[in-house]
N, C-alpha and C. Protein backbone atom coordinates (compact mmCIF):
# COMPACT_ATOMS: atom_id res chain seq x y z
N MET A 1 2.08 14.32 -2.39
CA MET A 1 1.41 13.05 -2.65
C MET A 1 0.16 13.36 -3.47
N SER A 2 -0.07 12.53 -4.46
CA SER A 2 -1.24 12.76 -5.29
C SER A 2 -2.53 12.50 -4.50
N GLU A 3 -3.56 13.22 -4.90
CA GLU A 3 -4.84 13.07 -4.22
C GLU A 3 -5.38 11.65 -4.38
N ARG A 4 -5.18 11.08 -5.56
CA ARG A 4 -5.66 9.72 -5.84
C ARG A 4 -4.97 8.71 -4.91
N LEU A 5 -3.67 8.86 -4.74
CA LEU A 5 -2.93 7.95 -3.86
C LEU A 5 -3.38 8.13 -2.41
N GLN A 6 -3.64 9.35 -2.00
CA GLN A 6 -4.15 9.58 -0.65
C GLN A 6 -5.47 8.86 -0.44
N GLN A 7 -6.34 8.92 -1.45
CA GLN A 7 -7.63 8.23 -1.36
C GLN A 7 -7.44 6.72 -1.26
N GLN A 8 -6.50 6.21 -2.04
CA GLN A 8 -6.24 4.76 -2.02
C GLN A 8 -5.69 4.31 -0.68
N LEU A 9 -4.79 5.10 -0.11
CA LEU A 9 -4.25 4.76 1.20
C LEU A 9 -5.34 4.82 2.27
N GLN A 10 -6.22 5.81 2.17
CA GLN A 10 -7.33 5.91 3.11
C GLN A 10 -8.26 4.70 2.96
N GLU A 11 -8.52 4.31 1.73
CA GLU A 11 -9.36 3.13 1.47
C GLU A 11 -8.73 1.88 2.09
N LEU A 12 -7.41 1.76 1.96
CA LEU A 12 -6.71 0.62 2.56
C LEU A 12 -6.84 0.66 4.08
N ARG A 13 -6.68 1.83 4.68
CA ARG A 13 -6.84 1.96 6.14
C ARG A 13 -8.24 1.54 6.58
N GLU A 14 -9.24 1.95 5.81
CA GLU A 14 -10.62 1.59 6.14
C GLU A 14 -10.84 0.08 6.03
N GLN A 15 -10.25 -0.52 5.03
CA GLN A 15 -10.37 -1.97 4.89
C GLN A 15 -9.70 -2.69 6.06
N LEU A 16 -8.58 -2.17 6.51
CA LEU A 16 -7.90 -2.76 7.66
C LEU A 16 -8.70 -2.58 8.95
N ALA A 17 -9.42 -1.47 9.05
CA ALA A 17 -10.21 -1.20 10.24
C ALA A 17 -11.51 -1.99 10.27
N SER A 18 -11.91 -2.52 9.13
CA SER A 18 -13.16 -3.29 9.07
C SER A 18 -12.98 -4.62 9.80
N ASP A 19 -14.04 -5.34 9.90
CA ASP A 19 -14.01 -6.62 10.60
C ASP A 19 -13.59 -7.77 9.70
N ALA A 20 -12.84 -7.48 8.66
CA ALA A 20 -12.38 -8.54 7.76
C ALA A 20 -11.55 -9.55 8.54
N PRO A 21 -11.73 -10.83 8.24
CA PRO A 21 -10.97 -11.85 8.95
C PRO A 21 -9.48 -11.80 8.56
N MET A 22 -8.70 -11.18 9.45
CA MET A 22 -7.28 -11.03 9.19
C MET A 22 -6.57 -11.05 10.53
N ASP A 23 -5.46 -11.74 10.60
CA ASP A 23 -4.76 -11.80 11.88
C ASP A 23 -3.96 -10.51 12.11
N GLU A 24 -3.55 -10.32 13.34
CA GLU A 24 -2.87 -9.09 13.73
C GLU A 24 -1.54 -8.90 13.00
N HIS A 25 -0.86 -9.99 12.71
CA HIS A 25 0.41 -9.90 11.98
C HIS A 25 0.18 -9.31 10.59
N GLU A 26 -0.87 -9.76 9.91
CA GLU A 26 -1.19 -9.25 8.58
C GLU A 26 -1.56 -7.77 8.64
N ARG A 27 -2.36 -7.40 9.63
CA ARG A 27 -2.74 -6.00 9.79
C ARG A 27 -1.49 -5.13 10.06
N ALA A 28 -0.62 -5.61 10.93
CA ALA A 28 0.59 -4.86 11.25
C ALA A 28 1.48 -4.71 10.02
N GLU A 29 1.57 -5.77 9.23
CA GLU A 29 2.39 -5.73 8.01
C GLU A 29 1.86 -4.65 7.04
N LEU A 30 0.55 -4.62 6.88
CA LEU A 30 -0.04 -3.64 5.96
C LEU A 30 0.06 -2.22 6.51
N ASN A 31 -0.09 -2.05 7.82
CA ASN A 31 0.08 -0.72 8.41
C ASN A 31 1.51 -0.22 8.24
N THR A 32 2.48 -1.11 8.37
CA THR A 32 3.88 -0.76 8.15
C THR A 32 4.09 -0.36 6.70
N LEU A 33 3.47 -1.08 5.79
CA LEU A 33 3.57 -0.77 4.37
C LEU A 33 3.01 0.63 4.08
N ILE A 34 1.88 0.95 4.67
CA ILE A 34 1.29 2.29 4.50
C ILE A 34 2.26 3.36 5.01
N GLN A 35 2.85 3.12 6.17
CA GLN A 35 3.80 4.09 6.74
C GLN A 35 5.02 4.24 5.83
N ASP A 36 5.51 3.13 5.27
CA ASP A 36 6.66 3.19 4.37
C ASP A 36 6.35 4.02 3.13
N ILE A 37 5.15 3.84 2.58
CA ILE A 37 4.74 4.61 1.41
C ILE A 37 4.69 6.09 1.75
N GLU A 38 4.09 6.42 2.89
CA GLU A 38 3.98 7.82 3.29
C GLU A 38 5.36 8.44 3.54
N LEU A 39 6.27 7.68 4.13
CA LEU A 39 7.63 8.19 4.37
C LEU A 39 8.35 8.45 3.05
N GLN A 40 8.21 7.54 2.10
CA GLN A 40 8.85 7.70 0.80
C GLN A 40 8.31 8.94 0.09
N LEU A 41 7.00 9.11 0.16
CA LEU A 41 6.39 10.25 -0.52
C LEU A 41 6.74 11.57 0.16
N ALA A 42 6.89 11.54 1.47
CA ALA A 42 7.28 12.76 2.19
C ALA A 42 8.71 13.16 1.86
N ALA A 43 9.56 12.18 1.59
CA ALA A 43 10.97 12.43 1.28
C ALA A 43 11.18 12.80 -0.19
N GLU A 44 10.22 12.49 -1.03
CA GLU A 44 10.35 12.75 -2.45
C GLU A 44 10.28 14.25 -2.70
N PRO A 45 11.01 14.88 -3.57
CA PRO A 45 11.99 14.29 -4.47
C PRO A 45 13.40 14.31 -3.91
N ALA A 46 13.55 14.60 -2.64
CA ALA A 46 14.88 14.71 -2.03
C ALA A 46 15.66 13.39 -2.09
N THR A 47 14.95 12.28 -2.06
CA THR A 47 15.62 10.98 -2.11
C THR A 47 15.16 10.20 -3.33
N PRO A 48 16.03 9.36 -3.85
CA PRO A 48 15.62 8.55 -5.00
C PRO A 48 14.56 7.53 -4.58
N PRO A 49 13.70 7.11 -5.52
CA PRO A 49 12.67 6.13 -5.19
C PRO A 49 13.27 4.83 -4.66
N ASP A 50 12.59 4.24 -3.72
CA ASP A 50 13.01 2.98 -3.12
C ASP A 50 12.30 1.84 -3.84
N ASP A 51 13.06 1.09 -4.66
CA ASP A 51 12.47 -0.02 -5.41
C ASP A 51 11.86 -1.08 -4.51
N SER A 52 12.42 -1.24 -3.31
CA SER A 52 11.91 -2.27 -2.41
C SER A 52 10.50 -1.94 -1.93
N LEU A 53 10.14 -0.65 -1.98
CA LEU A 53 8.80 -0.24 -1.57
C LEU A 53 7.76 -0.84 -2.51
N VAL A 54 7.96 -0.68 -3.81
CA VAL A 54 7.02 -1.24 -4.80
C VAL A 54 7.05 -2.76 -4.73
N ASP A 55 8.22 -3.33 -4.55
CA ASP A 55 8.32 -4.79 -4.41
C ASP A 55 7.50 -5.27 -3.22
N GLY A 56 7.57 -4.53 -2.11
CA GLY A 56 6.81 -4.90 -0.92
C GLY A 56 5.31 -4.85 -1.16
N VAL A 57 4.86 -3.83 -1.89
CA VAL A 57 3.43 -3.74 -2.20
C VAL A 57 3.03 -4.89 -3.13
N ASN A 58 3.86 -5.19 -4.11
CA ASN A 58 3.56 -6.30 -5.02
C ASN A 58 3.49 -7.63 -4.27
N LEU A 59 4.38 -7.83 -3.33
CA LEU A 59 4.35 -9.06 -2.52
C LEU A 59 3.07 -9.13 -1.70
N ALA A 60 2.64 -8.00 -1.17
CA ALA A 60 1.39 -7.96 -0.40
C ALA A 60 0.20 -8.29 -1.30
N VAL A 61 0.23 -7.81 -2.55
CA VAL A 61 -0.84 -8.15 -3.49
C VAL A 61 -0.92 -9.66 -3.65
N GLU A 62 0.22 -10.29 -3.89
CA GLU A 62 0.25 -11.74 -4.08
C GLU A 62 -0.23 -12.46 -2.82
N ARG A 63 0.19 -11.98 -1.68
CA ARG A 63 -0.15 -12.64 -0.43
C ARG A 63 -1.65 -12.58 -0.10
N PHE A 64 -2.28 -11.45 -0.41
CA PHE A 64 -3.67 -11.25 -0.02
C PHE A 64 -4.67 -11.51 -1.15
N GLU A 65 -4.18 -11.85 -2.33
CA GLU A 65 -5.05 -11.98 -3.49
C GLU A 65 -6.15 -13.02 -3.32
N ILE A 66 -5.85 -14.14 -2.72
CA ILE A 66 -6.83 -15.23 -2.58
C ILE A 66 -7.80 -14.96 -1.44
N LYS A 67 -7.28 -14.66 -0.26
CA LYS A 67 -8.13 -14.50 0.93
C LYS A 67 -8.82 -13.15 1.00
N HIS A 68 -8.21 -12.12 0.42
CA HIS A 68 -8.73 -10.75 0.54
C HIS A 68 -8.64 -10.05 -0.83
N PRO A 69 -9.45 -10.46 -1.79
CA PRO A 69 -9.34 -9.90 -3.15
C PRO A 69 -9.60 -8.39 -3.22
N THR A 70 -10.49 -7.87 -2.40
CA THR A 70 -10.75 -6.42 -2.43
C THR A 70 -9.52 -5.66 -1.95
N LEU A 71 -8.93 -6.15 -0.89
CA LEU A 71 -7.71 -5.55 -0.36
C LEU A 71 -6.59 -5.61 -1.41
N ALA A 72 -6.45 -6.74 -2.07
CA ALA A 72 -5.44 -6.90 -3.10
C ALA A 72 -5.69 -5.91 -4.25
N GLY A 73 -6.94 -5.69 -4.58
CA GLY A 73 -7.28 -4.72 -5.62
C GLY A 73 -6.85 -3.31 -5.25
N THR A 74 -7.07 -2.95 -4.00
CA THR A 74 -6.63 -1.64 -3.53
C THR A 74 -5.12 -1.53 -3.59
N LEU A 75 -4.43 -2.58 -3.21
CA LEU A 75 -2.96 -2.58 -3.27
C LEU A 75 -2.48 -2.46 -4.71
N ARG A 76 -3.15 -3.13 -5.65
CA ARG A 76 -2.79 -3.01 -7.06
C ARG A 76 -2.94 -1.56 -7.54
N ASN A 77 -4.02 -0.91 -7.11
CA ASN A 77 -4.22 0.50 -7.47
C ASN A 77 -3.11 1.37 -6.91
N ILE A 78 -2.66 1.06 -5.71
CA ILE A 78 -1.56 1.81 -5.10
C ILE A 78 -0.28 1.61 -5.90
N VAL A 79 -0.01 0.39 -6.32
CA VAL A 79 1.18 0.11 -7.14
C VAL A 79 1.11 0.95 -8.41
N GLN A 80 -0.05 0.98 -9.04
CA GLN A 80 -0.20 1.75 -10.28
C GLN A 80 0.01 3.24 -10.05
N SER A 81 -0.52 3.75 -8.95
CA SER A 81 -0.32 5.16 -8.63
C SER A 81 1.15 5.49 -8.39
N LEU A 82 1.83 4.59 -7.68
CA LEU A 82 3.26 4.79 -7.44
C LEU A 82 4.03 4.77 -8.76
N ALA A 83 3.66 3.86 -9.64
CA ALA A 83 4.33 3.77 -10.94
C ALA A 83 4.08 5.04 -11.76
N ASN A 84 2.85 5.55 -11.70
CA ASN A 84 2.54 6.79 -12.42
C ASN A 84 3.34 7.98 -11.89
N MET A 85 3.74 7.90 -10.63
CA MET A 85 4.52 8.97 -10.02
C MET A 85 6.03 8.77 -10.23
N GLY A 86 6.37 7.66 -10.86
CA GLY A 86 7.80 7.38 -11.09
C GLY A 86 8.50 6.69 -9.95
N ILE A 87 7.73 6.10 -9.06
CA ILE A 87 8.31 5.40 -7.92
C ILE A 87 8.27 3.91 -8.17
């Protein structure tokens, strides 16, 4: 996993741990997304990239863009890092 992506995932974890107004379902969804990214990266290059992973991150960007713009920005950076890695 690239160092930049690790930093972005850590930043996302910190944002989730903050007192940002977010319900537990949203937090759980984002934690699952982080786990999915880490699993994909741990399996790489043994398995082909999972297109649904990037789609899931893009959907999260759209979902959180209005209420949580900083979080959405971090997710956009993660999408870009995944794309740079060929995922």
